[in-house]
Amino acid sequence: MSIFDGKTILVTGGTGSFGKKFVEVMVKEYRPEKLIVFSRDELKQFEMAQSFPEKDYLFPDRDYQCLRYFIGDVRDKDRLYRAFYGVDYVIHAAALKQVPACERNPFEAIQTNVMGAENIINAAIDCGVKKVVALSTDKAANPINLYGATKLCSDKLFISGNSYAGWKETRFFVVRYGNVIGSRGSVVPYFKKMRETGVIPITDPRMTRFWITIEQGVRFVIKSLELAEGGEIFVPKIPSMNIMDLAQAIAPDCRHEVTGIRPGEKIHELLITEDDARHTLECDDYFIIEPEFHWWTSRVHTANGGRQVKEGFVYASNTNDKWLTVKELKELVGD
């Protein structure tokens, strides 16, 4: 038995890259009572429904499909209250995440990424949701752009949400990871498009990023849901890649043109800062940044093998001990 069997699960931003893969894994490998896709785009919901036809996703002993579609926006608190009624677990994947777009539309980023987080916290507590996991980003660690700043704020809201819940059973935690290979608007589809021109724009040849596949991200979120006590930030151990290696993997015959880094962009990314390291545990294939609550105890995670990281530890994309080669990148990005 899984914690998801017989439960009602809701995914905000459910028609995005993460949401689609999460739904795929959930309906193939688990038996939820309901799986609700919450998003604001009716066309994307219609298209997603075609990808998961009822005849292919019926459980053998049921005469109905578990998938449901719910149009709504995380900015709309009343709509969230309606959507969260009877929900056991919420995966919060909705966000404005494109760095340049957030820089140009700061109020919109704050409305979705920060105020939306507050709405989810209030609705989850009042509706009796058991666990809420919020997806974060490496850009939230020592942020220099608005997107990262809003996600850092969101992370802190969700962690503090455990105190707001008080005696109620709702628990909040965060999963933080790096760039997702092939997600919408990411560098992989952009490079594939630009190779048709024969020129690949490179912001800075030194640039490095953490790298994770969508499926790895989904499975790590599922694992974290099973482990979380409430208040943690879960960080997977993932490899780094260099932008020049990625360009070589996708477009080996193209000329490179250095354009300079964009506003709000870093050369290297962080997943765990030195300050966070003071209360970070290392497990075999992930880290846990523990909350600084007076009532918090790490006995559960230390019993599972968690050990305090060394003083001064930093988890950065340029000092990572795991790196993807050009060959491995070719296998991951495909044609």
C-alpha atoms as a PDB file:
ATOM      1  CA  MET A   1       0.000   0.000   0.000  1.00  0.00           C
ATOM      2  CA  SER A   2       1.171   3.503  -0.868  1.00  0.00           C
ATOM      3  CA  ILE A   3       0.230   6.705   0.937  1.00  0.00           C
ATOM      4  CA  PHE A   4      -1.414   7.751  -2.341  1.00  0.00           C
ATOM      5  CA  ASP A   5      -3.738   4.776  -2.716  1.00  0.00           C
ATOM      6  CA  GLY A   6      -7.347   5.772  -2.173  1.00  0.00           C
ATOM      7  CA  LYS A   7      -6.389   9.423  -1.632  1.00  0.00           C
ATOM      8  CA  THR A   8      -7.347  12.618  -3.464  1.00  0.00           C
ATOM      9  CA  ILE A   9      -4.371  14.483  -4.923  1.00  0.00           C
ATOM     10  CA  LEU A  10      -4.375  17.929  -6.549  1.00  0.00           C
ATOM     11  CA  VAL A  11      -1.623  19.421  -8.733  1.00  0.00           C
ATOM     12  CA  THR A  12      -1.558  23.175  -9.295  1.00  0.00           C
ATOM     13  CA  GLY A  13      -0.065  24.097 -12.656  1.00  0.00           C
ATOM     14  CA  GLY A  14      -1.068  20.562 -13.596  1.00  0.00           C
ATOM     15  CA  THR A  15      -0.909  21.084 -17.367  1.00  0.00           C
ATOM     16  CA  GLY A  16       2.777  22.068 -17.261  1.00  0.00           C
ATOM     17  CA  SER A  17       5.751  19.799 -17.915  1.00  0.00           C
ATOM     18  CA  PHE A  18       5.964  18.621 -14.314  1.00  0.00           C
ATOM     19  CA  GLY A  19       2.208  18.199 -13.933  1.00  0.00           C
ATOM     20  CA  LYS A  20       1.872  16.014 -17.016  1.00  0.00           C
ATOM     21  CA  LYS A  21       4.691  13.701 -15.957  1.00  0.00           C
ATOM     22  CA  PHE A  22       3.381  13.551 -12.366  1.00  0.00           C
ATOM     23  CA  VAL A  23      -0.067  12.541 -13.632  1.00  0.00           C
ATOM     24  CA  GLU A  24       1.470   9.921 -15.923  1.00  0.00           C
ATOM     25  CA  VAL A  25       3.444   8.312 -13.090  1.00  0.00           C
ATOM     26  CA  MET A  26       0.554   8.523 -10.634  1.00  0.00           C
ATOM     27  CA  VAL A  27      -2.069   6.872 -12.841  1.00  0.00           C
ATOM     28  CA  LYS A  28       0.305   4.140 -14.036  1.00  0.00           C
ATOM     29  CA  GLU A  29       1.914   3.164 -10.734  1.00  0.00           C
ATOM     30  CA  TYR A  30      -0.495   4.198  -7.961  1.00  0.00           C
ATOM     31  CA  ARG A  31      -4.209   4.041  -7.243  1.00  0.00           C
ATOM     32  CA  PRO A  32      -5.459   7.465  -6.129  1.00  0.00           C
ATOM     33  CA  GLU A  33      -9.190   7.935  -5.622  1.00  0.00           C
ATOM     34  CA  LYS A  34      -9.015  11.259  -7.480  1.00  0.00           C
ATOM     35  CA  LEU A  35      -6.216  13.093  -9.251  1.00  0.00           C
ATOM     36  CA  ILE A  36      -7.161  16.728  -9.865  1.00  0.00           C
ATOM     37  CA  VAL A  37      -5.384  18.850 -12.487  1.00  0.00           C
ATOM     38  CA  PHE A  38      -5.738  22.489 -11.414  1.00  0.00           C
ATOM     39  CA  SER A  39      -4.701  25.132 -13.949  1.00  0.00           C
ATOM     40  CA  ARG A  40      -5.972  28.282 -15.636  1.00  0.00           C
ATOM     41  CA  ASP A  41      -5.787  27.317 -19.319  1.00  0.00           C
ATOM     42  CA  GLU A  42      -8.827  25.449 -20.667  1.00  0.00           C
ATOM     43  CA  LEU A  43      -7.112  24.618 -23.975  1.00  0.00           C
ATOM     44  CA  LYS A  44      -4.168  22.950 -22.235  1.00  0.00           C
ATOM     45  CA  GLN A  45      -6.602  20.973 -20.081  1.00  0.00           C
ATOM     46  CA  PHE A  46      -8.485  19.849 -23.189  1.00  0.00           C
ATOM     47  CA  GLU A  47      -5.240  18.799 -24.878  1.00  0.00           C
ATOM     48  CA  MET A  48      -4.055  16.997 -21.757  1.00  0.00           C
ATOM     49  CA  ALA A  49      -7.336  15.092 -21.537  1.00  0.00           C
ATOM     50  CA  GLN A  50      -6.670  13.765 -25.052  1.00  0.00           C
ATOM     51  CA  SER A  51      -3.296  12.472 -23.848  1.00  0.00           C
ATOM     52  CA  PHE A  52      -4.948  10.555 -21.016  1.00  0.00           C
ATOM     53  CA  PRO A  53      -8.048   9.017 -22.642  1.00  0.00           C
ATOM     54  CA  GLU A  54     -10.474   7.422 -20.211  1.00  0.00           C
ATOM     55  CA  LYS A  55     -10.334   3.979 -21.847  1.00  0.00           C
ATOM     56  CA  ASP A  56      -6.570   3.769 -21.242  1.00  0.00           C
ATOM     57  CA  TYR A  57      -6.582   4.996 -17.648  1.00  0.00           C
ATOM     58  CA  LEU A  58      -9.431   3.121 -15.972  1.00  0.00           C
ATOM     59  CA  PHE A  59      -8.490   0.982 -12.976  1.00  0.00           C
ATOM     60  CA  PRO A  60      -9.534  -2.649 -13.607  1.00  0.00           C
ATOM     61  CA  ASP A  61     -11.944  -2.776 -10.659  1.00  0.00           C
ATOM     62  CA  ARG A  62     -13.515   0.662 -11.277  1.00  0.00           C
ATOM     63  CA  ASP A  63     -15.887   2.008 -13.877  1.00  0.00           C
ATOM     64  CA  TYR A  64     -14.558   5.573 -13.738  1.00  0.00           C
ATOM     65  CA  GLN A  65     -11.316   7.415 -14.369  1.00  0.00           C
ATOM     66  CA  CYS A  66      -9.609   9.080 -11.393  1.00  0.00           C
ATOM     67  CA  LEU A  67      -8.551  12.156 -13.406  1.00  0.00           C
ATOM     68  CA  ARG A  68     -10.421  15.437 -12.917  1.00  0.00           C
ATOM     69  CA  TYR A  69      -9.796  18.869 -14.445  1.00  0.00           C
ATOM     70  CA  PHE A  70     -10.404  22.074 -12.501  1.00  0.00           C
ATOM     71  CA  ILE A  71     -10.010  25.499 -14.097  1.00  0.00           C
ATOM     72  CA  GLY A  72      -8.672  28.051 -11.639  1.00  0.00           C
ATOM     73  CA  ASP A  73      -5.836  30.380 -10.704  1.00  0.00           C
ATOM     74  CA  VAL A  74      -3.776  30.302  -7.513  1.00  0.00           C
ATOM     75  CA  ARG A  75      -4.415  34.041  -7.274  1.00  0.00           C
ATOM     76  CA  ASP A  76      -8.122  33.290  -6.712  1.00  0.00           C
ATOM     77  CA  LYS A  77      -8.461  32.286  -3.058  1.00  0.00           C
ATOM     78  CA  ASP A  78     -12.158  31.430  -3.289  1.00  0.00           C
ATOM     79  CA  ARG A  79     -11.538  29.076  -6.198  1.00  0.00           C
ATOM     80  CA  LEU A  80      -8.776  27.325  -4.240  1.00  0.00           C
ATOM     81  CA  TYR A  81     -11.131  26.752  -1.324  1.00  0.00           C
ATOM     82  CA  ARG A  82     -13.586  25.080  -3.673  1.00  0.00           C
ATOM     83  CA  ALA A  83     -10.854  22.990  -5.319  1.00  0.00           C
ATOM     84  CA  PHE A  84      -9.224  21.858  -2.050  1.00  0.00           C
ATOM     85  CA  TYR A  85     -12.405  20.469  -0.509  1.00  0.00           C
ATOM     86  CA  GLY A  86     -11.763  16.794   0.282  1.00  0.00           C
ATOM     87  CA  VAL A  87      -8.151  16.854  -0.985  1.00  0.00           C
ATOM     88  CA  ASP A  88      -5.485  14.886   0.911  1.00  0.00           C
ATOM     89  CA  TYR A  89      -2.281  16.016  -0.833  1.00  0.00           C
ATOM     90  CA  VAL A  90      -1.445  19.134  -2.853  1.00  0.00           C
ATOM     91  CA  ILE A  91       1.541  19.429  -5.187  1.00  0.00           C
ATOM     92  CA  HIS A  92       2.071  23.119  -5.905  1.00  0.00           C
ATOM     93  CA  ALA A  93       3.789  23.426  -9.287  1.00  0.00           C
ATOM     94  CA  ALA A  94       2.101  26.600 -10.565  1.00  0.00           C
ATOM     95  CA  ALA A  95       4.442  29.573 -10.997  1.00  0.00           C
ATOM     96  CA  LEU A  96       5.641  32.323 -13.279  1.00  0.00           C
ATOM     97  CA  LYS A  97       9.167  31.027 -13.804  1.00  0.00           C
ATOM     98  CA  GLN A  98      10.783  32.681 -16.830  1.00  0.00           C
ATOM     99  CA  VAL A  99      13.487  35.005 -15.475  1.00  0.00           C
ATOM    100  CA  PRO A 100      13.242  37.718 -18.194  1.00  0.00           C
ATOM    101  CA  ALA A 101       9.420  37.708 -18.066  1.00  0.00           C
ATOM    102  CA  CYS A 102       9.453  38.134 -14.283  1.00  0.00           C
ATOM    103  CA  GLU A 103      11.965  40.981 -14.571  1.00  0.00           C
ATOM    104  CA  ARG A 104       9.667  42.764 -17.025  1.00  0.00           C
ATOM    105  CA  ASN A 105       6.440  41.974 -15.158  1.00  0.00           C
ATOM    106  CA  PRO A 106       7.394  42.096 -11.471  1.00  0.00           C
ATOM    107  CA  PHE A 107       3.904  42.674 -10.055  1.00  0.00           C
ATOM    108  CA  GLU A 108       2.584  39.672 -11.978  1.00  0.00           C
ATOM    109  CA  ALA A 109       5.366  37.450 -10.599  1.00  0.00           C
ATOM    110  CA  ILE A 110       4.606  38.558  -7.047  1.00  0.00           C
ATOM    111  CA  GLN A 111       0.856  38.010  -7.480  1.00  0.00           C
ATOM    112  CA  THR A 112       1.339  34.422  -8.655  1.00  0.00           C
ATOM    113  CA  ASN A 113       4.459  33.242  -6.839  1.00  0.00           C
ATOM    114  CA  VAL A 114       4.010  34.991  -3.482  1.00  0.00           C
ATOM    115  CA  MET A 115       0.344  35.875  -3.040  1.00  0.00           C
ATOM    116  CA  GLY A 116      -0.594  32.592  -4.685  1.00  0.00           C
ATOM    117  CA  ALA A 117       1.506  30.769  -2.083  1.00  0.00           C
ATOM    118  CA  GLU A 118      -0.340  32.555   0.725  1.00  0.00           C
ATOM    119  CA  ASN A 119      -3.684  31.584  -0.793  1.00  0.00           C
ATOM    120  CA  ILE A 120      -2.666  27.936  -1.017  1.00  0.00           C
ATOM    121  CA  ILE A 121      -1.480  27.887   2.596  1.00  0.00           C
ATOM    122  CA  ASN A 122      -4.716  29.373   3.930  1.00  0.00           C
ATOM    123  CA  ALA A 123      -6.942  27.160   1.784  1.00  0.00           C
ATOM    124  CA  ALA A 124      -4.992  24.000   2.663  1.00  0.00           C
ATOM    125  CA  ILE A 125      -5.197  24.629   6.420  1.00  0.00           C
ATOM    126  CA  ASP A 126      -8.883  25.526   6.377  1.00  0.00           C
ATOM    127  CA  CYS A 127      -9.838  22.611   4.089  1.00  0.00           C
ATOM    128  CA  GLY A 128      -7.869  20.004   6.069  1.00  0.00           C
ATOM    129  CA  VAL A 129      -5.307  19.046   3.419  1.00  0.00           C
ATOM    130  CA  LYS A 130      -2.807  16.618   4.968  1.00  0.00           C
ATOM    131  CA  LYS A 131       0.389  17.546   3.104  1.00  0.00           C
ATOM    132  CA  VAL A 132       1.384  20.317   0.699  1.00  0.00           C
ATOM    133  CA  VAL A 133       4.651  20.198  -1.237  1.00  0.00           C
ATOM    134  CA  ALA A 134       5.789  23.351  -3.039  1.00  0.00           C
ATOM    135  CA  LEU A 135       8.211  23.092  -5.949  1.00  0.00           C
ATOM    136  CA  SER A 136      11.115  25.503  -5.702  1.00  0.00           C
ATOM    137  CA  THR A 137      14.267  26.278  -7.683  1.00  0.00           C
ATOM    138  CA  ASP A 138      18.000  26.747  -7.269  1.00  0.00           C
ATOM    139  CA  LYS A 139      17.386  30.408  -8.111  1.00  0.00           C
ATOM    140  CA  ALA A 140      15.784  30.805  -4.669  1.00  0.00           C
ATOM    141  CA  ALA A 141      19.179  30.294  -2.991  1.00  0.00           C
ATOM    142  CA  ASN A 142      20.887  33.707  -2.664  1.00  0.00           C
ATOM    143  CA  PRO A 143      18.606  35.137  -5.390  1.00  0.00           C
ATOM    144  CA  ILE A 144      19.699  37.981  -7.663  1.00  0.00           C
ATOM    145  CA  ASN A 145      16.592  38.092  -9.883  1.00  0.00           C
ATOM    146  CA  LEU A 146      12.940  38.661  -9.107  1.00  0.00           C
ATOM    147  CA  TYR A 147      11.898  35.121  -9.953  1.00  0.00           C
ATOM    148  CA  GLY A 148      14.387  33.722  -7.429  1.00  0.00           C
ATOM    149  CA  ALA A 149      13.342  36.317  -4.850  1.00  0.00           C
ATOM    150  CA  THR A 150       9.664  35.422  -5.196  1.00  0.00           C
ATOM    151  CA  LYS A 151      10.454  31.723  -4.888  1.00  0.00           C
ATOM    152  CA  LEU A 152      12.597  32.333  -1.806  1.00  0.00           C
ATOM    153  CA  CYS A 153       9.678  34.252  -0.314  1.00  0.00           C
ATOM    154  CA  SER A 154       7.334  31.429  -1.307  1.00  0.00           C
ATOM    155  CA  ASP A 155       9.636  28.844   0.308  1.00  0.00           C
ATOM    156  CA  LYS A 156       9.661  30.770   3.564  1.00  0.00           C
ATOM    157  CA  LEU A 157       5.882  31.150   3.492  1.00  0.00           C
ATOM    158  CA  PHE A 158       5.391  27.414   3.088  1.00  0.00           C
ATOM    159  CA  ILE A 159       7.854  26.558   5.839  1.00  0.00           C
ATOM    160  CA  SER A 160       6.189  29.050   8.185  1.00  0.00           C
ATOM    161  CA  GLY A 161       2.819  27.629   7.177  1.00  0.00           C
ATOM    162  CA  ASN A 162       3.511  24.768   9.577  1.00  0.00           C
ATOM    163  CA  SER A 163       3.340  27.224  12.467  1.00  0.00           C
ATOM    164  CA  TYR A 164       0.130  28.754  11.082  1.00  0.00           C
ATOM    165  CA  ALA A 165      -1.432  25.281  10.949  1.00  0.00           C
ATOM    166  CA  GLY A 166      -1.006  24.939  14.720  1.00  0.00           C
ATOM    167  CA  TRP A 167      -2.858  21.914  16.067  1.00  0.00           C
ATOM    168  CA  LYS A 168      -4.334  21.074  12.657  1.00  0.00           C
ATOM    169  CA  GLU A 169      -2.786  18.200  10.723  1.00  0.00           C
ATOM    170  CA  THR A 170      -1.779  20.154   7.583  1.00  0.00           C
ATOM    171  CA  ARG A 171       1.951  20.060   6.958  1.00  0.00           C
ATOM    172  CA  PHE A 172       3.968  22.006   4.393  1.00  0.00           C
ATOM    173  CA  PHE A 173       7.396  21.381   2.903  1.00  0.00           C
ATOM    174  CA  VAL A 174       9.458  22.318  -0.158  1.00  0.00           C
ATOM    175  CA  VAL A 175      11.355  20.449  -2.869  1.00  0.00           C
ATOM    176  CA  ARG A 176      14.170  22.456  -4.470  1.00  0.00           C
ATOM    177  CA  TYR A 177      16.062  21.373  -7.578  1.00  0.00           C
ATOM    178  CA  GLY A 178      17.789  22.795 -10.661  1.00  0.00           C
ATOM    179  CA  ASN A 179      17.089  23.134 -14.385  1.00  0.00           C
ATOM    180  CA  VAL A 180      14.679  20.575 -15.788  1.00  0.00           C
ATOM    181  CA  ILE A 181      15.797  19.018 -19.065  1.00  0.00           C
ATOM    182  CA  GLY A 182      13.398  19.773 -21.884  1.00  0.00           C
ATOM    183  CA  SER A 183      10.804  21.682 -19.858  1.00  0.00           C
ATOM    184  CA  ARG A 184       8.854  24.371 -21.673  1.00  0.00           C
ATOM    185  CA  GLY A 185      10.893  27.522 -22.201  1.00  0.00           C
ATOM    186  CA  SER A 186      14.166  25.874 -21.152  1.00  0.00           C
ATOM    187  CA  VAL A 187      17.490  25.993 -22.961  1.00  0.00           C
ATOM    188  CA  VAL A 188      17.233  22.558 -24.632  1.00  0.00           C
ATOM    189  CA  PRO A 189      14.278  23.291 -26.950  1.00  0.00           C
ATOM    190  CA  TYR A 190      15.766  26.751 -27.561  1.00  0.00           C
ATOM    191  CA  PHE A 191      19.129  25.338 -28.659  1.00  0.00           C
ATOM    192  CA  LYS A 192      17.369  22.767 -30.863  1.00  0.00           C
ATOM    193  CA  LYS A 193      15.484  25.562 -32.577  1.00  0.00           C
ATOM    194  CA  MET A 194      18.569  27.764 -32.984  1.00  0.00           C
ATOM    195  CA  ARG A 195      20.722  25.009 -34.485  1.00  0.00           C
ATOM    196  CA  GLU A 196      18.619  25.349 -37.637  1.00  0.00           C
ATOM    197  CA  THR A 197      20.245  28.767 -38.098  1.00  0.00           C
ATOM    198  CA  GLY A 198      23.753  27.361 -37.697  1.00  0.00           C
ATOM    199  CA  VAL A 199      24.507  29.673 -34.743  1.00  0.00           C
ATOM    200  CA  ILE A 200      24.084  28.848 -31.038  1.00  0.00           C
ATOM    201  CA  PRO A 201      24.006  31.916 -28.730  1.00  0.00           C
ATOM    202  CA  ILE A 202      26.081  31.395 -25.577  1.00  0.00           C
ATOM    203  CA  THR A 203      25.531  33.783 -22.692  1.00  0.00           C
ATOM    204  CA  ASP A 204      28.840  32.940 -20.978  1.00  0.00           C
ATOM    205  CA  PRO A 205      31.131  29.956 -21.710  1.00  0.00           C
ATOM    206  CA  ARG A 206      31.785  29.506 -17.976  1.00  0.00           C
ATOM    207  CA  MET A 207      28.113  29.038 -17.138  1.00  0.00           C
ATOM    208  CA  THR A 208      27.121  25.906 -15.201  1.00  0.00           C
ATOM    209  CA  ARG A 209      23.750  24.594 -14.087  1.00  0.00           C
ATOM    210  CA  PHE A 210      22.298  21.769 -12.025  1.00  0.00           C
ATOM    211  CA  TRP A 211      20.487  19.323 -14.273  1.00  0.00           C
ATOM    212  CA  ILE A 212      17.544  16.970 -13.644  1.00  0.00           C
ATOM    213  CA  THR A 213      15.032  15.176 -15.854  1.00  0.00           C
ATOM    214  CA  ILE A 214      11.306  15.738 -15.429  1.00  0.00           C
ATOM    215  CA  GLU A 215      10.786  12.120 -14.372  1.00  0.00           C
ATOM    216  CA  GLN A 216      13.584  12.342 -11.778  1.00  0.00           C
ATOM    217  CA  GLY A 217      11.956  15.494 -10.408  1.00  0.00           C
ATOM    218  CA  VAL A 218       8.553  13.829 -10.198  1.00  0.00           C
ATOM    219  CA  ARG A 219       9.884  10.740  -8.456  1.00  0.00           C
ATOM    220  CA  PHE A 220      11.843  12.846  -5.988  1.00  0.00           C
ATOM    221  CA  VAL A 221       8.688  14.800  -5.130  1.00  0.00           C
ATOM    222  CA  ILE A 222       6.815  11.527  -4.580  1.00  0.00           C
ATOM    223  CA  LYS A 223       9.604  10.242  -2.345  1.00  0.00           C
ATOM    224  CA  SER A 224       9.662  13.513  -0.382  1.00  0.00           C
ATOM    225  CA  LEU A 225       5.899  13.326   0.173  1.00  0.00           C
ATOM    226  CA  GLU A 226       6.427   9.961   1.814  1.00  0.00           C
ATOM    227  CA  LEU A 227       9.311  11.208   4.007  1.00  0.00           C
ATOM    228  CA  ALA A 228       8.259  14.726   5.011  1.00  0.00           C
ATOM    229  CA  GLU A 229       7.410  15.620   8.577  1.00  0.00           C
ATOM    230  CA  GLY A 230       6.664  19.261   7.738  1.00  0.00           C
ATOM    231  CA  GLY A 231       9.008  22.242   7.392  1.00  0.00           C
ATOM    232  CA  GLU A 232      11.833  20.650   5.425  1.00  0.00           C
ATOM    233  CA  ILE A 233      13.405  21.690   2.132  1.00  0.00           C
ATOM    234  CA  PHE A 234      14.365  18.538   0.235  1.00  0.00           C
ATOM    235  CA  VAL A 235      17.256  18.874  -2.241  1.00  0.00           C
ATOM    236  CA  PRO A 236      18.229  15.975  -4.527  1.00  0.00           C
ATOM    237  CA  LYS A 237      21.832  15.155  -5.348  1.00  0.00           C
ATOM    238  CA  ILE A 238      21.962  15.888  -9.074  1.00  0.00           C
ATOM    239  CA  PRO A 239      24.738  16.443 -11.626  1.00  0.00           C
ATOM    240  CA  SER A 240      25.983  19.709 -13.078  1.00  0.00           C
ATOM    241  CA  MET A 241      26.594  20.548 -16.725  1.00  0.00           C
ATOM    242  CA  ASN A 242      28.546  23.234 -18.546  1.00  0.00           C
ATOM    243  CA  ILE A 243      26.748  25.309 -21.175  1.00  0.00           C
ATOM    244  CA  MET A 244      29.475  24.619 -23.755  1.00  0.00           C
ATOM    245  CA  ASP A 245      29.086  20.856 -23.267  1.00  0.00           C
ATOM    246  CA  LEU A 246      25.335  21.215 -23.753  1.00  0.00           C
ATOM    247  CA  ALA A 247      25.837  23.184 -26.972  1.00  0.00           C
ATOM    248  CA  GLN A 248      28.246  20.506 -28.195  1.00  0.00           C
ATOM    249  CA  ALA A 249      25.730  17.769 -27.398  1.00  0.00           C
ATOM    250  CA  ILE A 250      22.810  19.454 -29.188  1.00  0.00           C
ATOM    251  CA  ALA A 251      24.526  21.254 -32.057  1.00  0.00           C
ATOM    252  CA  PRO A 252      28.093  20.012 -32.570  1.00  0.00           C
ATOM    253  CA  ASP A 253      28.422  21.585 -36.023  1.00  0.00           C
ATOM    254  CA  CYS A 254      27.109  25.031 -35.145  1.00  0.00           C
ATOM    255  CA  ARG A 255      29.074  28.215 -34.589  1.00  0.00           C
ATOM    256  CA  HIS A 256      28.921  29.789 -31.101  1.00  0.00           C
ATOM    257  CA  GLU A 257      28.142  33.454 -30.518  1.00  0.00           C
ATOM    258  CA  VAL A 258      28.783  34.862 -27.035  1.00  0.00           C
ATOM    259  CA  THR A 259      25.965  37.277 -26.148  1.00  0.00           C
ATOM    260  CA  GLY A 260      26.663  38.024 -22.457  1.00  0.00           C
ATOM    261  CA  ILE A 261      24.544  37.073 -19.478  1.00  0.00           C
ATOM    262  CA  ARG A 262      20.996  38.409 -19.321  1.00  0.00           C
ATOM    263  CA  PRO A 263      19.687  40.673 -16.536  1.00  0.00           C
ATOM    264  CA  GLY A 264      19.153  38.708 -13.345  1.00  0.00           C
ATOM    265  CA  GLU A 265      21.194  35.707 -14.506  1.00  0.00           C
ATOM    266  CA  LYS A 266      24.010  33.988 -12.593  1.00  0.00           C
ATOM    267  CA  ILE A 267      27.077  32.268 -13.981  1.00  0.00           C
ATOM    268  CA  HIS A 268      26.688  29.466 -11.424  1.00  0.00           C
ATOM    269  CA  GLU A 269      23.708  28.359  -9.318  1.00  0.00           C
ATOM    270  CA  LEU A 270      23.314  27.329  -5.682  1.00  0.00           C
ATOM    271  CA  LEU A 271      21.035  24.742  -4.131  1.00  0.00           C
ATOM    272  CA  ILE A 272      22.325  25.001  -0.553  1.00  0.00           C
ATOM    273  CA  THR A 273      24.018  28.110   0.801  1.00  0.00           C
ATOM    274  CA  GLU A 274      26.683  28.167   3.505  1.00  0.00           C
ATOM    275  CA  ASP A 275      24.171  29.669   5.934  1.00  0.00           C
ATOM    276  CA  ASP A 276      21.645  26.911   5.219  1.00  0.00           C
ATOM    277  CA  ALA A 277      24.352  24.300   5.726  1.00  0.00           C
ATOM    278  CA  ARG A 278      24.317  24.906   9.493  1.00  0.00           C
ATOM    279  CA  HIS A 279      21.010  23.048   9.665  1.00  0.00           C
ATOM    280  CA  THR A 280      21.333  20.682   6.691  1.00  0.00           C
ATOM    281  CA  LEU A 281      21.410  16.881   6.822  1.00  0.00           C
ATOM    282  CA  GLU A 282      22.975  14.736   4.123  1.00  0.00           C
ATOM    283  CA  CYS A 283      21.392  11.426   3.152  1.00  0.00           C
ATOM    284  CA  ASP A 284      22.524   8.954   0.499  1.00  0.00           C
ATOM    285  CA  ASP A 285      20.964  10.665  -2.518  1.00  0.00           C
ATOM    286  CA  TYR A 286      19.498  13.898  -1.157  1.00  0.00           C
ATOM    287  CA  PHE A 287      19.894  16.690   1.405  1.00  0.00           C
ATOM    288  CA  ILE A 288      17.360  18.022   3.904  1.00  0.00           C
ATOM    289  CA  ILE A 289      17.465  21.666   4.961  1.00  0.00           C
ATOM    290  CA  GLU A 290      15.727  21.533   8.329  1.00  0.00           C
ATOM    291  CA  PRO A 291      13.489  24.324   9.630  1.00  0.00           C
ATOM    292  CA  GLU A 292      14.654  26.482  12.501  1.00  0.00           C
ATOM    293  CA  PHE A 293      11.568  25.925  14.653  1.00  0.00           C
ATOM    294  CA  HIS A 294      12.004  25.658  18.419  1.00  0.00           C
ATOM    295  CA  TRP A 295       9.828  22.528  18.375  1.00  0.00           C
ATOM    296  CA  TRP A 296      11.640  20.829  15.489  1.00  0.00           C
ATOM    297  CA  THR A 297      13.427  17.536  16.011  1.00  0.00           C
ATOM    298  CA  SER A 298      15.460  15.702  13.379  1.00  0.00           C
ATOM    299  CA  ARG A 299      15.136  12.289  15.020  1.00  0.00           C
ATOM    300  CA  VAL A 300      13.095  10.865  12.137  1.00  0.00           C
ATOM    301  CA  HIS A 301      15.570  11.912   9.455  1.00  0.00           C
ATOM    302  CA  THR A 302      18.690  11.072  11.472  1.00  0.00           C
ATOM    303  CA  ALA A 303      17.193   7.644  12.148  1.00  0.00           C
ATOM    304  CA  ASN A 304      16.962   7.233   8.371  1.00  0.00           C
ATOM    305  CA  GLY A 305      20.675   7.942   7.977  1.00  0.00           C
ATOM    306  CA  GLY A 306      20.718  11.736   7.846  1.00  0.00           C
ATOM    307  CA  ARG A 307      24.006  13.279   9.020  1.00  0.00           C
ATOM    308  CA  GLN A 308      25.000  16.892   9.529  1.00  0.00           C
ATOM    309  CA  VAL A 309      27.032  18.372   6.652  1.00  0.00           C
ATOM    310  CA  LYS A 310      30.442  19.850   7.369  1.00  0.00           C
ATOM    311  CA  GLU A 311      30.935  23.452   8.444  1.00  0.00           C
ATOM    312  CA  GLY A 312      31.145  25.768   5.429  1.00  0.00           C
ATOM    313  CA  PHE A 313      29.452  23.303   3.089  1.00  0.00           C
ATOM    314  CA  VAL A 314      28.021  24.827  -0.116  1.00  0.00           C
ATOM    315  CA  TYR A 315      26.133  22.943  -2.819  1.00  0.00           C
ATOM    316  CA  ALA A 316      26.943  24.892  -5.983  1.00  0.00           C
ATOM    317  CA  SER A 317      26.780  23.943  -9.668  1.00  0.00           C
ATOM    318  CA  ASN A 318      30.449  24.809 -10.317  1.00  0.00           C
ATOM    319  CA  THR A 319      31.885  22.868  -7.330  1.00  0.00           C
ATOM    320  CA  ASN A 320      29.605  19.843  -7.666  1.00  0.00           C
ATOM    321  CA  ASP A 321      31.306  16.427  -7.640  1.00  0.00           C
ATOM    322  CA  LYS A 322      28.877  15.046 -10.234  1.00  0.00           C
ATOM    323  CA  TRP A 323      29.146  16.232 -13.869  1.00  0.00           C
ATOM    324  CA  LEU A 324      27.398  15.217 -17.071  1.00  0.00           C
ATOM    325  CA  THR A 325      29.636  14.468 -20.044  1.00  0.00           C
ATOM    326  CA  VAL A 326      28.809  15.459 -23.622  1.00  0.00           C
ATOM    327  CA  LYS A 327      27.873  11.834 -24.317  1.00  0.00           C
ATOM    328  CA  GLU A 328      25.514  11.689 -21.338  1.00  0.00           C
ATOM    329  CA  LEU A 329      23.943  14.994 -22.347  1.00  0.00           C
ATOM    330  CA  LYS A 330      23.342  13.680 -25.866  1.00  0.00           C
ATOM    331  CA  GLU A 331      21.519  10.676 -24.419  1.00  0.00           C
ATOM    332  CA  LEU A 332      19.383  12.911 -22.191  1.00  0.00           C
ATOM    333  CA  VAL A 333      18.391  15.579 -24.715  1.00  0.00           C
ATOM    334  CA  GLY A 334      17.844  13.177 -27.635  1.00  0.00           C
ATOM    335  CA  ASP A 335      17.509  14.471 -31.178  1.00  0.00           C
END
